[in-house]
PDB file of N, CA and C in Angstrom:
ATOM      1  N   MET A   1       0.820  -1.196   0.000  1.00  0.00           N
ATOM      2  CA  MET A   1       0.000   0.000   0.000  1.00  0.00           C
ATOM      3  C   MET A   1       0.863   1.259   0.000  1.00  0.00           C
ATOM      4  N   ALA A   2       1.985   1.218   0.708  1.00  0.00           N
ATOM      5  CA  ALA A   2       2.855   2.397   0.762  1.00  0.00           C
ATOM      6  C   ALA A   2       3.420   2.730  -0.617  1.00  0.00           C
ATOM      7  N   GLY A   3       3.693   1.699  -1.400  1.00  0.00           N
ATOM      8  CA  GLY A   3       4.213   1.934  -2.745  1.00  0.00           C
ATOM      9  C   GLY A   3       3.195   2.610  -3.641  1.00  0.00           C
ATOM     10  N   PHE A   4       1.935   2.210  -3.514  1.00  0.00           N
ATOM     11  CA  PHE A   4       0.871   2.811  -4.317  1.00  0.00           C
ATOM     12  C   PHE A   4       0.685   4.282  -3.970  1.00  0.00           C
ATOM     13  N   VAL A   5       0.696   4.596  -2.685  1.00  0.00           N
ATOM     14  CA  VAL A   5       0.553   5.984  -2.243  1.00  0.00           C
ATOM     15  C   VAL A   5       1.752   6.814  -2.699  1.00  0.00           C
ATOM     16  N   THR A   6       2.937   6.236  -2.638  1.00  0.00           N
ATOM     17  CA  THR A   6       4.142   6.933  -3.095  1.00  0.00           C
ATOM     18  C   THR A   6       4.046   7.264  -4.576  1.00  0.00           C
ATOM     19  N   VAL A   7       3.621   6.293  -5.367  1.00  0.00           N
ATOM     20  CA  VAL A   7       3.495   6.511  -6.816  1.00  0.00           C
ATOM     21  C   VAL A   7       2.450   7.583  -7.099  1.00  0.00           C
ATOM     22  N   LEU A   8       1.316   7.553  -6.398  1.00  0.00           N
ATOM     23  CA  LEU A   8       0.286   8.571  -6.616  1.00  0.00           C
ATOM     24  C   LEU A   8       0.781   9.969  -6.260  1.00  0.00           C
ATOM     25  N   CYS A   9       1.527  10.098  -5.158  1.00  0.00           N
ATOM     26  CA  CYS A   9       2.056  11.414  -4.767  1.00  0.00           C
ATOM     27  C   CYS A   9       3.070  11.933  -5.784  1.00  0.00           C
ATOM     28  N   VAL A  10       3.940  11.061  -6.258  1.00  0.00           N
ATOM     29  CA  VAL A  10       4.932  11.467  -7.263  1.00  0.00           C
ATOM     30  C   VAL A  10       4.236  11.836  -8.569  1.00  0.00           C
ATOM     31  N   LEU A  11       3.242  11.047  -8.965  1.00  0.00           N
ATOM     32  CA  LEU A  11       2.495  11.361 -10.186  1.00  0.00           C
ATOM     33  C   LEU A  11       1.784  12.703 -10.064  1.00  0.00           C
ATOM     34  N   LEU A  12       1.178  12.950  -8.919  1.00  0.00           N
ATOM     35  CA  LEU A  12       0.475  14.217  -8.712  1.00  0.00           C
ATOM     36  C   LEU A  12       1.439  15.391  -8.824  1.00  0.00           C
ATOM     37  N   GLY A  13       2.598  15.277  -8.205  1.00  0.00           N
ATOM     38  CA  GLY A  13       3.580  16.362  -8.264  1.00  0.00           C
ATOM     39  C   GLY A  13       4.151  16.568  -9.654  1.00  0.00           C
ATOM     40  N   LEU A  14       4.555  15.481 -10.289  1.00  0.00           N
ATOM     41  CA  LEU A  14       5.175  15.600 -11.613  1.00  0.00           C
ATOM     42  C   LEU A  14       4.166  15.962 -12.700  1.00  0.00           C
ATOM     43  N   ALA A  15       2.925  15.538 -12.562  1.00  0.00           N
ATOM     44  CA  ALA A  15       1.919  15.855 -13.579  1.00  0.00           C
ATOM     45  C   ALA A  15       1.549  17.332 -13.546  1.00  0.00           C
ATOM     46  N   ASN A  16       1.617  17.950 -12.378  1.00  0.00           N
ATOM     47  CA  ASN A  16       1.239  19.358 -12.258  1.00  0.00           C
ATOM     48  C   ASN A  16       2.432  20.305 -12.371  1.00  0.00           C
ATOM     49  N   LEU A  17       3.639  19.800 -12.244  1.00  0.00           N
ATOM     50  CA  LEU A  17       4.833  20.643 -12.270  1.00  0.00           C
ATOM     51  C   LEU A  17       4.945  21.524 -13.512  1.00  0.00           C
ATOM     52  N   PRO A  18       4.716  21.016 -14.726  1.00  0.00           N
ATOM     53  CA  PRO A  18       4.852  21.890 -15.901  1.00  0.00           C
ATOM     54  C   PRO A  18       3.863  23.054 -15.913  1.00  0.00           C
ATOM     55  N   PHE A  19       2.723  22.904 -15.258  1.00  0.00           N
ATOM     56  CA  PHE A  19       1.682  23.914 -15.319  1.00  0.00           C
ATOM     57  C   PHE A  19       1.745  24.929 -14.191  1.00  0.00           C
ATOM     58  N   VAL A  20       2.347  24.588 -13.066  1.00  0.00           N
ATOM     59  CA  VAL A  20       2.364  25.513 -11.932  1.00  0.00           C
ATOM     60  C   VAL A  20       3.687  26.264 -11.795  1.00  0.00           C
ATOM     61  N   SER A  21       4.729  25.805 -12.460  1.00  0.00           N
ATOM     62  CA  SER A  21       6.029  26.450 -12.356  1.00  0.00           C
ATOM     63  C   SER A  21       6.376  27.166 -13.656  1.00  0.00           C
ATOM     64  N   SER A  22       6.983  28.333 -13.536  1.00  0.00           N
ATOM     65  CA  SER A  22       7.400  29.062 -14.733  1.00  0.00           C
ATOM     66  C   SER A  22       8.800  28.643 -15.177  1.00  0.00           C
ATOM     67  N   ARG A  23       9.438  27.779 -14.414  1.00  0.00           N
ATOM     68  CA  ARG A  23      10.764  27.268 -14.757  1.00  0.00           C
ATOM     69  C   ARG A  23      10.641  25.885 -15.391  1.00  0.00           C
ATOM     70  N   PHE A  24      11.640  25.512 -16.184  1.00  0.00           N
ATOM     71  CA  PHE A  24      11.655  24.190 -16.805  1.00  0.00           C
ATOM     72  C   PHE A  24      12.017  23.160 -15.744  1.00  0.00           C
ATOM     73  N   LEU A  25      11.141  22.207 -15.500  1.00  0.00           N
ATOM     74  CA  LEU A  25      11.277  21.183 -14.464  1.00  0.00           C
ATOM     75  C   LEU A  25      11.402  21.777 -13.068  1.00  0.00           C
ATOM     76  N   GLY A  26      10.976  23.008 -12.911  1.00  0.00           N
ATOM     77  CA  GLY A  26      11.030  23.663 -11.614  1.00  0.00           C
ATOM     78  C   GLY A  26      12.416  24.117 -11.217  1.00  0.00           C
ATOM     79  N   VAL A  27      13.413  23.945 -12.090  1.00  0.00           N
ATOM     80  CA  VAL A  27      14.803  24.256 -11.737  1.00  0.00           C
ATOM     81  C   VAL A  27      15.420  25.285 -12.674  1.00  0.00           C
ATOM     82  N   PHE A  28      15.330  25.054 -13.968  1.00  0.00           N
ATOM     83  CA  PHE A  28      16.024  25.872 -14.959  1.00  0.00           C
ATOM     84  C   PHE A  28      15.154  27.049 -15.389  1.00  0.00           C
ATOM     85  N   SER A  29      15.730  28.255 -15.337  1.00  0.00           N
ATOM     86  CA  SER A  29      14.957  29.431 -15.746  1.00  0.00           C
ATOM     87  C   SER A  29      14.813  29.458 -17.265  1.00  0.00           C
ATOM     88  N   VAL A  30      13.709  30.052 -17.704  1.00  0.00           N
ATOM     89  CA  VAL A  30      13.364  30.083 -19.117  1.00  0.00           C
ATOM     90  C   VAL A  30      13.143  31.528 -19.526  1.00  0.00           C
ATOM     91  N   ARG A  31      13.695  31.901 -20.674  1.00  0.00           N
ATOM     92  CA  ARG A  31      13.433  33.240 -21.196  1.00  0.00           C
ATOM     93  C   ARG A  31      12.019  33.280 -21.737  1.00  0.00           C
ATOM     94  N   GLY A  32      11.264  34.273 -21.355  1.00  0.00           N
ATOM     95  CA  GLY A  32       9.881  34.375 -21.813  1.00  0.00           C
ATOM     96  C   GLY A  32       8.983  33.422 -21.042  1.00  0.00           C
ATOM     97  N   SER A  33       7.880  33.038 -21.658  1.00  0.00           N
ATOM     98  CA  SER A  33       6.963  32.116 -20.999  1.00  0.00           C
ATOM     99  C   SER A  33       7.051  30.738 -21.657  1.00  0.00           C
ATOM    100  N   LYS A  34       6.712  29.729 -20.881  1.00  0.00           N
ATOM    101  CA  LYS A  34       6.731  28.366 -21.409  1.00  0.00           C
ATOM    102  C   LYS A  34       5.457  28.143 -22.209  1.00  0.00           C
ATOM    103  N   GLN A  35       5.620  27.899 -23.490  1.00  0.00           N
ATOM    104  CA  GLN A  35       4.476  27.592 -24.339  1.00  0.00           C
ATOM    105  C   GLN A  35       4.910  26.630 -25.424  1.00  0.00           C
ATOM    106  N   GLY A  36       3.946  25.954 -25.994  1.00  0.00           N
ATOM    107  CA  GLY A  36       4.183  25.112 -27.163  1.00  0.00           C
ATOM    108  C   GLY A  36       5.122  23.961 -26.933  1.00  0.00           C
ATOM    109  N   ARG A  37       6.202  23.958 -27.688  1.00  0.00           N
ATOM    110  CA  ARG A  37       7.139  22.834 -27.672  1.00  0.00           C
ATOM    111  C   ARG A  37       7.819  22.650 -26.329  1.00  0.00           C
ATOM    112  N   LEU A  38       8.164  23.730 -25.665  1.00  0.00           N
ATOM    113  CA  LEU A  38       8.853  23.617 -24.377  1.00  0.00           C
ATOM    114  C   LEU A  38       7.938  23.009 -23.321  1.00  0.00           C
ATOM    115  N   LEU A  39       6.686  23.422 -23.298  1.00  0.00           N
ATOM    116  CA  LEU A  39       5.728  22.866 -22.346  1.00  0.00           C
ATOM    117  C   LEU A  39       5.459  21.397 -22.647  1.00  0.00           C
ATOM    118  N   THR A  40       5.328  21.049 -23.924  1.00  0.00           N
ATOM    119  CA  THR A  40       5.126  19.653 -24.308  1.00  0.00           C
ATOM    120  C   THR A  40       6.339  18.807 -23.932  1.00  0.00           C
ATOM    121  N   ALA A  41       7.527  19.333 -24.175  1.00  0.00           N
ATOM    122  CA  ALA A  41       8.747  18.604 -23.811  1.00  0.00           C
ATOM    123  C   ALA A  41       8.816  18.392 -22.302  1.00  0.00           C
ATOM    124  N   GLU A  42       8.437  19.397 -21.528  1.00  0.00           N
ATOM    125  CA  GLU A  42       8.473  19.261 -20.076  1.00  0.00           C
ATOM    126  C   GLU A  42       7.461  18.226 -19.590  1.00  0.00           C
ATOM    127  N   VAL A  43       6.275  18.202 -20.180  1.00  0.00           N
ATOM    128  CA  VAL A  43       5.277  17.195 -19.807  1.00  0.00           C
ATOM    129  C   VAL A  43       5.801  15.797 -20.116  1.00  0.00           C
ATOM    130  N   LEU A  44       6.437  15.628 -21.271  1.00  0.00           N
ATOM    131  CA  LEU A  44       6.973  14.317 -21.632  1.00  0.00           C
ATOM    132  C   LEU A  44       8.117  13.896 -20.719  1.00  0.00           C
ATOM    133  N   VAL A  45       8.997  14.820 -20.363  1.00  0.00           N
ATOM    134  CA  VAL A  45      10.091  14.510 -19.434  1.00  0.00           C
ATOM    135  C   VAL A  45       9.528  14.119 -18.072  1.00  0.00           C
ATOM    136  N   CYS A  46       8.532  14.846 -17.601  1.00  0.00           N
ATOM    137  CA  CYS A  46       7.905  14.513 -16.315  1.00  0.00           C
ATOM    138  C   CYS A  46       7.219  13.154 -16.378  1.00  0.00           C
ATOM    139  N   PHE A  47       6.618  12.815 -17.519  1.00  0.00           N
ATOM    140  CA  PHE A  47       5.992  11.503 -17.666  1.00  0.00           C
ATOM    141  C   PHE A  47       7.036  10.397 -17.610  1.00  0.00           C
ATOM    142  N   VAL A  48       8.149  10.585 -18.284  1.00  0.00           N
ATOM    143  CA  VAL A  48       9.213   9.575 -18.271  1.00  0.00           C
ATOM    144  C   VAL A  48       9.783   9.433 -16.856  1.00  0.00           C
ATOM    145  N   LEU A  49       9.956  10.538 -16.142  1.00  0.00           N
ATOM    146  CA  LEU A  49      10.422  10.465 -14.754  1.00  0.00           C
ATOM    147  C   LEU A  49       9.434   9.718 -13.870  1.00  0.00           C
ATOM    148  N   SER A  50       8.147   9.979 -14.054  1.00  0.00           N
ATOM    149  CA  SER A  50       7.145   9.281 -13.246  1.00  0.00           C
ATOM    150  C   SER A  50       7.094   7.796 -13.599  1.00  0.00           C
ATOM    151  N   LEU A  51       7.317   7.467 -14.850  1.00  0.00           N
ATOM    152  CA  LEU A  51       7.387   6.070 -15.262  1.00  0.00           C
ATOM    153  C   LEU A  51       8.554   5.369 -14.567  1.00  0.00           C
ATOM    154  N   GLY A  52       9.700   6.018 -14.541  1.00  0.00           N
ATOM    155  CA  GLY A  52      10.859   5.452 -13.851  1.00  0.00           C
ATOM    156  C   GLY A  52      10.622   5.279 -12.364  1.00  0.00           C
ATOM    157  N   VAL A  53       9.976   6.259 -11.745  1.00  0.00           N
ATOM    158  CA  VAL A  53       9.676   6.150 -10.310  1.00  0.00           C
ATOM    159  C   VAL A  53       8.714   5.000 -10.052  1.00  0.00           C
ATOM    160  N   ALA A  54       7.709   4.846 -10.896  1.00  0.00           N
ATOM    161  CA  ALA A  54       6.745   3.757 -10.708  1.00  0.00           C
ATOM    162  C   ALA A  54       7.417   2.396 -10.814  1.00  0.00           C
ATOM    163  N   ILE A  55       8.312   2.246 -11.758  1.00  0.00           N
ATOM    164  CA  ILE A  55       9.019   0.971 -11.916  1.00  0.00           C
ATOM    165  C   ILE A  55       9.952   0.733 -10.737  1.00  0.00           C
ATOM    166  N   LEU A  56      10.671   1.770 -10.296  1.00  0.00           N
ATOM    167  CA  LEU A  56      11.564   1.618  -9.145  1.00  0.00           C
ATOM    168  C   LEU A  56      10.805   1.298  -7.862  1.00  0.00           C
ATOM    169  N   VAL A  57       9.679   1.944  -7.656  1.00  0.00           N
ATOM    170  CA  VAL A  57       8.885   1.657  -6.459  1.00  0.00           C
ATOM    171  C   VAL A  57       8.387   0.217  -6.493  1.00  0.00           C
ATOM    172  N   GLU A  58       7.940  -0.218  -7.648  1.00  0.00           N
ATOM    173  CA  GLU A  58       7.472  -1.596  -7.744  1.00  0.00           C
ATOM    174  C   GLU A  58       8.611  -2.574  -7.453  1.00  0.00           C
ATOM    175  N   ARG A  59       9.771  -2.274  -7.946  1.00  0.00           N
ATOM    176  CA  ARG A  59      10.890  -3.193  -7.797  1.00  0.00           C
ATOM    177  C   ARG A  59      11.464  -3.199  -6.384  1.00  0.00           C
ATOM    178  N   PHE A  60      11.632  -2.017  -5.774  1.00  0.00           N
ATOM    179  CA  PHE A  60      12.328  -1.958  -4.498  1.00  0.00           C
ATOM    180  C   PHE A  60      11.416  -1.907  -3.281  1.00  0.00           C
ATOM    181  N   VAL A  61      10.308  -1.212  -3.353  1.00  0.00           N
ATOM    182  CA  VAL A  61       9.420  -1.119  -2.199  1.00  0.00           C
ATOM    183  C   VAL A  61       8.544  -2.361  -2.087  1.00  0.00           C
ATOM    184  N   GLU A  62       7.959  -2.772  -3.198  1.00  0.00           N
ATOM    185  CA  GLU A  62       7.085  -3.943  -3.178  1.00  0.00           C
ATOM    186  C   GLU A  62       7.880  -5.243  -3.143  1.00  0.00           C
ATOM    187  N   GLY A  63       9.112  -5.216  -3.643  1.00  0.00           N
ATOM    188  CA  GLY A  63       9.956  -6.403  -3.610  1.00  0.00           C
ATOM    189  C   GLY A  63       9.750  -7.363  -4.764  1.00  0.00           C
ATOM    190  N   VAL A  64       8.788  -7.095  -5.605  1.00  0.00           N
ATOM    191  CA  VAL A  64       8.492  -7.975  -6.727  1.00  0.00           C
ATOM    192  C   VAL A  64       8.481  -7.136  -7.998  1.00  0.00           C
ATOM    193  N   SER A  65       9.116  -7.640  -9.028  1.00  0.00           N
ATOM    194  CA  SER A  65       9.113  -6.934 -10.306  1.00  0.00           C
ATOM    195  C   SER A  65       8.372  -7.786 -11.330  1.00  0.00           C
ATOM    196  N   TYR A  66       7.218  -7.321 -11.715  1.00  0.00           N
ATOM    197  CA  TYR A  66       6.418  -8.035 -12.699  1.00  0.00           C
ATOM    198  C   TYR A  66       6.776  -7.564 -14.100  1.00  0.00           C
ATOM    199  N   ARG A  67       6.425  -8.388 -15.083  1.00  0.00           N
ATOM    200  CA  ARG A  67       6.631  -8.004 -16.481  1.00  0.00           C
ATOM    201  C   ARG A  67       5.683  -6.845 -16.795  1.00  0.00           C
ATOM    202  N   GLN A  68       6.193  -5.814 -17.415  1.00  0.00           N
ATOM    203  CA  GLN A  68       5.394  -4.627 -17.723  1.00  0.00           C
ATOM    204  C   GLN A  68       4.813  -4.752 -19.123  1.00  0.00           C
ATOM    205  N   GLY A  69       3.537  -5.032 -19.190  1.00  0.00           N
ATOM    206  CA  GLY A  69       2.843  -5.112 -20.473  1.00  0.00           C
ATOM    207  C   GLY A  69       2.235  -3.763 -20.821  1.00  0.00           C
ATOM    208  N   TRP A  70       1.430  -3.755 -21.843  1.00  0.00           N
ATOM    209  CA  TRP A  70       0.822  -2.506 -22.299  1.00  0.00           C
ATOM    210  C   TRP A  70      -0.141  -1.953 -21.261  1.00  0.00           C
ATOM    211  N   GLU A  71      -0.701  -2.818 -20.409  1.00  0.00           N
ATOM    212  CA  GLU A  71      -1.653  -2.365 -19.400  1.00  0.00           C
ATOM    213  C   GLU A  71      -1.008  -1.406 -18.401  1.00  0.00           C
ATOM    214  N   PHE A  72       0.219  -1.718 -17.996  1.00  0.00           N
ATOM    215  CA  PHE A  72       0.947  -0.878 -17.040  1.00  0.00           C
ATOM    216  C   PHE A  72       1.122   0.531 -17.597  1.00  0.00           C
ATOM    217  N   TYR A  73       1.551   0.622 -18.834  1.00  0.00           N
ATOM    218  CA  TYR A  73       1.808   1.922 -19.448  1.00  0.00           C
ATOM    219  C   TYR A  73       0.503   2.686 -19.707  1.00  0.00           C
ATOM    220  N   THR A  74      -0.556   1.965 -20.053  1.00  0.00           N
ATOM    221  CA  THR A  74      -1.847   2.614 -20.280  1.00  0.00           C
ATOM    222  C   THR A  74      -2.407   3.188 -18.988  1.00  0.00           C
ATOM    223  N   VAL A  75      -2.362   2.412 -17.925  1.00  0.00           N
ATOM    224  CA  VAL A  75      -2.866   2.883 -16.636  1.00  0.00           C
ATOM    225  C   VAL A  75      -2.037   4.061 -16.139  1.00  0.00           C
ATOM    226  N   LEU A  76      -0.719   3.985 -16.264  1.00  0.00           N
ATOM    227  CA  LEU A  76       0.137   5.084 -15.815  1.00  0.00           C
ATOM    228  C   LEU A  76      -0.112   6.349 -16.637  1.00  0.00           C
ATOM    229  N   THR A  77      -0.328   6.206 -17.933  1.00  0.00           N
ATOM    230  CA  THR A  77      -0.633   7.367 -18.775  1.00  0.00           C
ATOM    231  C   THR A  77      -1.960   7.997 -18.382  1.00  0.00           C
ATOM    232  N   CYS A  78      -2.964   7.178 -18.152  1.00  0.00           N
ATOM    233  CA  CYS A  78      -4.272   7.714 -17.739  1.00  0.00           C
ATOM    234  C   CYS A  78      -4.186   8.404 -16.385  1.00  0.00           C
ATOM    235  N   LEU A  79      -3.487   7.807 -15.434  1.00  0.00           N
ATOM    236  CA  LEU A  79      -3.308   8.445 -14.129  1.00  0.00           C
ATOM    237  C   LEU A  79      -2.571   9.769 -14.263  1.00  0.00           C
ATOM    238  N   PHE A  80      -1.555   9.813 -15.107  1.00  0.00           N
ATOM    239  CA  PHE A  80      -0.785  11.041 -15.306  1.00  0.00           C
ATOM    240  C   PHE A  80      -1.668  12.145 -15.876  1.00  0.00           C
ATOM    241  N   VAL A  81      -2.506  11.802 -16.842  1.00  0.00           N
ATOM    242  CA  VAL A  81      -3.394  12.797 -17.456  1.00  0.00           C
ATOM    243  C   VAL A  81      -4.433  13.283 -16.454  1.00  0.00           C
ATOM    244  N   VAL A  82      -5.043  12.367 -15.721  1.00  0.00           N
ATOM    245  CA  VAL A  82      -6.084  12.748 -14.761  1.00  0.00           C
ATOM    246  C   VAL A  82      -5.505  13.580 -13.624  1.00  0.00           C
ATOM    247  N   LEU A  83      -4.362  13.174 -13.097  1.00  0.00           N
ATOM    248  CA  LEU A  83      -3.759  13.909 -11.983  1.00  0.00           C
ATOM    249  C   LEU A  83      -3.161  15.246 -12.424  1.00  0.00           C
ATOM    250  N   GLY A  84      -2.852  15.392 -13.708  1.00  0.00           N
ATOM    251  CA  GLY A  84      -2.327  16.654 -14.216  1.00  0.00           C
ATOM    252  C   GLY A  84      -3.397  17.653 -14.610  1.00  0.00           C
ATOM    253  N   PHE A  85      -4.652  17.235 -14.592  1.00  0.00           N
ATOM    254  CA  PHE A  85      -5.731  18.118 -15.027  1.00  0.00           C
ATOM    255  C   PHE A  85      -5.897  19.360 -14.153  1.00  0.00           C
ATOM    256  N   PRO A  86      -5.771  19.279 -12.815  1.00  0.00           N
ATOM    257  CA  PRO A  86      -5.894  20.511 -12.014  1.00  0.00           C
ATOM    258  C   PRO A  86      -4.855  21.580 -12.384  1.00  0.00           C
ATOM    259  N   GLY A  87      -3.630  21.173 -12.639  1.00  0.00           N
ATOM    260  CA  GLY A  87      -2.613  22.133 -13.049  1.00  0.00           C
ATOM    261  C   GLY A  87      -2.899  22.723 -14.414  1.00  0.00           C
ATOM    262  N   PHE A  88      -3.407  21.895 -15.324  1.00  0.00           N
ATOM    263  CA  PHE A  88      -3.777  22.367 -16.652  1.00  0.00           C
ATOM    264  C   PHE A  88      -4.893  23.403 -16.565  1.00  0.00           C
ATOM    265  N   VAL A  89      -5.911  23.121 -15.759  1.00  0.00           N
ATOM    266  CA  VAL A  89      -7.025  24.060 -15.582  1.00  0.00           C
ATOM    267  C   VAL A  89      -6.525  25.355 -14.967  1.00  0.00           C
ATOM    268  N   ARG A  90      -5.653  25.247 -13.967  1.00  0.00           N
ATOM    269  CA  ARG A  90      -5.118  26.443 -13.308  1.00  0.00           C
ATOM    270  C   ARG A  90      -4.352  27.315 -14.289  1.00  0.00           C
ATOM    271  N   ARG A  91      -3.590  26.685 -15.161  1.00  0.00           N
ATOM    272  CA  ARG A  91      -2.761  27.460 -16.087  1.00  0.00           C
ATOM    273  C   ARG A  91      -3.559  28.080 -17.237  1.00  0.00           C
ATOM    274  N   PHE A  92      -4.478  27.331 -17.812  1.00  0.00           N
ATOM    275  CA  PHE A  92      -5.124  27.778 -19.050  1.00  0.00           C
ATOM    276  C   PHE A  92      -6.547  28.294 -18.891  1.00  0.00           C
ATOM    277  N   PHE A  93      -7.266  27.877 -17.860  1.00  0.00           N
ATOM    278  CA  PHE A  93      -8.674  28.241 -17.756  1.00  0.00           C
ATOM    279  C   PHE A  93      -8.989  29.136 -16.567  1.00  0.00           C
ATOM    280  N   TRP A  94      -8.148  29.154 -15.560  1.00  0.00           N
ATOM    281  CA  TRP A  94      -8.427  29.904 -14.341  1.00  0.00           C
ATOM    282  C   TRP A  94      -8.233  31.385 -14.610  1.00  0.00           C
ATOM    283  N   THR A  95      -9.238  32.173 -14.298  1.00  0.00           N
ATOM    284  CA  THR A  95      -9.122  33.605 -14.462  1.00  0.00           C
ATOM    285  C   THR A  95      -9.234  34.265 -13.097  1.00  0.00           C
ATOM    286  N   VAL A  96      -8.442  35.264 -12.879  1.00  0.00           N
ATOM    287  CA  VAL A  96      -8.459  36.001 -11.623  1.00  0.00           C
ATOM    288  C   VAL A  96      -9.467  37.130 -11.736  1.00  0.00           C
ATOM    289  N   PRO A  97     -10.449  37.147 -10.847  1.00  0.00           N
ATOM    290  CA  PRO A  97     -11.435  38.241 -10.910  1.00  0.00           C
ATOM    291  C   PRO A  97     -10.777  39.584 -10.589  1.00  0.00           C
ATOM    292  N   THR A  98     -11.167  40.611 -11.337  1.00  0.00           N
ATOM    293  CA  THR A  98     -10.588  41.935 -11.107  1.00  0.00           C
ATOM    294  C   THR A  98     -11.588  42.885 -10.506  1.00  0.00           C
TER     295      THR A  98
END
């Protein structure tokens, strides 16, 4: 159970990172604003990092490493998209009342 909660917390953080931070991966400063290709690249890098964390947690925390079929990647992609939706809404749809 601890591994599942760990993966969900990491997914939540990494899925929202591109949308809530004005820096690339939260570390590197960017000239101008992040849009288009840079934002897409950051989302993909965060997805690959979350994929690596999920595999490492399964291997080391759970103690068992199962064969990763297409189901694993599909579920992880869906979780990443769903957990990243609040950051996406905050960045593109949220308006501050004046």
